[in-house]
Protein backbone atom coordinates (compact mmCIF):
# COMPACT_ATOMS: atom_id res chain seq x y z
CA UNK A 1 94.13 5.06 -13.16
CA UNK A 2 93.95 4.76 -9.38
CA UNK A 3 94.94 1.62 -7.58
CA UNK A 4 92.11 -0.68 -6.57
CA UNK A 5 91.29 -0.79 -2.89
CA UNK A 6 89.83 -3.62 -0.85
CA UNK A 7 86.21 -4.26 -1.85
CA UNK A 8 83.77 -2.91 0.70
CA UNK A 9 80.75 -4.62 2.15
CA UNK A 10 78.26 -4.96 -0.70
CA UNK A 11 75.49 -6.79 1.25
CA UNK A 12 73.01 -3.94 0.71
CA UNK A 13 74.00 -3.85 -2.99
CA UNK A 14 73.38 -7.53 -3.73
CA UNK A 15 70.66 -6.67 -6.28
CA UNK A 16 73.12 -4.61 -8.28
CA UNK A 17 75.70 -7.31 -8.28
CA UNK A 18 73.19 -9.84 -9.60
CA UNK A 19 73.07 -7.86 -12.82
CA UNK A 20 75.79 -9.22 -15.18
CA UNK A 21 76.54 -5.76 -16.62
CA UNK A 22 77.11 -4.22 -13.24
CA UNK A 23 79.05 -7.28 -11.99
CA UNK A 24 81.28 -7.13 -15.03
CA UNK A 25 82.23 -3.48 -14.47
CA UNK A 26 82.82 -4.21 -10.76
CA UNK A 27 85.06 -7.20 -11.51
CA UNK A 28 86.91 -5.44 -14.34
CA UNK A 29 88.14 -2.78 -11.91
CA UNK A 30 89.79 -5.40 -9.73
CA UNK A 31 91.11 -7.46 -12.61
CA UNK A 32 92.75 -4.37 -14.07
CA UNK A 33 94.56 -3.76 -10.82
CA UNK A 34 96.53 -6.93 -11.37
CA UNK A 35 95.88 -7.98 -7.76
CA UNK A 36 94.46 -11.49 -8.08
CA UNK A 37 93.67 -11.75 -4.35
CA UNK A 38 91.41 -8.67 -4.73
CA UNK A 39 89.90 -10.06 -7.90
CA UNK A 40 89.06 -13.35 -6.20
CA UNK A 41 87.55 -11.44 -3.26
CA UNK A 42 85.44 -9.40 -5.69
CA UNK A 43 84.29 -12.60 -7.50
CA UNK A 44 83.32 -13.98 -4.06
CA UNK A 45 81.18 -10.86 -3.40
CA UNK A 46 79.42 -11.28 -6.76
CA UNK A 47 78.90 -14.99 -6.12
CA UNK A 48 77.38 -14.31 -2.71
CA UNK A 49 74.96 -11.81 -4.31
CA UNK A 50 73.62 -14.31 -6.82
CA UNK A 51 70.32 -16.07 -6.30
CA UNK A 52 71.25 -19.17 -4.31
CA UNK A 53 74.46 -17.55 -3.08
CA UNK A 54 77.76 -19.41 -3.15
CA UNK A 55 76.03 -22.79 -3.02
CA UNK A 56 73.94 -21.89 -6.05
CA UNK A 57 77.00 -20.74 -7.98
CA UNK A 58 78.89 -23.92 -7.00
CA UNK A 59 76.00 -26.02 -8.31
CA UNK A 60 75.72 -24.05 -11.62
CA UNK A 61 79.55 -24.31 -12.06
CA UNK A 62 79.48 -28.06 -11.35
CA UNK A 63 81.84 -27.63 -8.40
CA UNK A 64 81.41 -28.81 -4.90
CA UNK A 65 80.90 -25.99 -2.44
CA UNK A 66 84.22 -26.59 -0.72
CA UNK A 67 86.10 -26.25 -4.02
CA UNK A 68 84.35 -22.94 -4.70
CA UNK A 69 85.18 -21.61 -1.24
CA UNK A 70 88.79 -22.68 -1.60
CA UNK A 71 89.07 -21.18 -5.07
CA UNK A 72 87.81 -17.84 -3.95
CA UNK A 73 89.65 -17.69 -0.64
CA UNK A 74 92.57 -15.36 -0.05
CA UNK A 75 95.04 -18.19 -0.46
CA UNK A 76 93.19 -19.88 -3.25
CA UNK A 77 94.99 -20.51 -6.53
CA UNK A 78 92.19 -21.56 -8.87
CA UNK A 79 92.90 -22.83 -12.34
CA UNK A 80 91.71 -20.80 -15.31
CA UNK A 81 89.09 -23.40 -16.11
CA UNK A 82 87.67 -23.19 -12.60
CA UNK A 83 87.43 -19.37 -12.70
CA UNK A 84 85.80 -19.58 -16.13
CA UNK A 85 83.16 -21.99 -14.80
CA UNK A 86 82.51 -19.80 -11.76
CA UNK A 87 82.10 -16.70 -13.95
CA UNK A 88 79.95 -18.65 -16.42
CA UNK A 89 77.66 -19.69 -13.60
CA UNK A 90 77.13 -15.99 -12.91
CA UNK A 91 76.45 -15.09 -16.58
CA UNK A 92 79.94 -13.73 -17.16
CA UNK A 93 83.00 -14.69 -19.17
CA UNK A 94 86.66 -13.80 -19.61
CA UNK A 95 87.36 -11.64 -22.68
CA UNK A 96 90.73 -10.74 -24.15
CA UNK A 97 91.14 -7.22 -25.48
CA UNK A 98 94.12 -5.06 -26.41
CA UNK A 99 95.81 -3.51 -23.43
CA UNK A 100 94.97 0.20 -23.07
CA UNK A 101 97.91 2.58 -23.00
């Protein structure tokens, strides 16, 4: 497995990231890297791509927009419940599976 790199500009790929299956594959790559800052950045990219953007995701997750921005910032340290709500607002969820060798 290669190390994850910084996510690149996905603005022209917003439609792809709106699809939960595509978004799940994209996010899984960063989650597997173990780099939570990269994962949070990737979640922010997916949230921006959603209909309504970050504001829409914040509303669906029952968070104020400032909390969402802070949670997904480079220095953010969101609680598990907050990340689960953000992912849920985008049609995604955390799943626990056996670690691959």
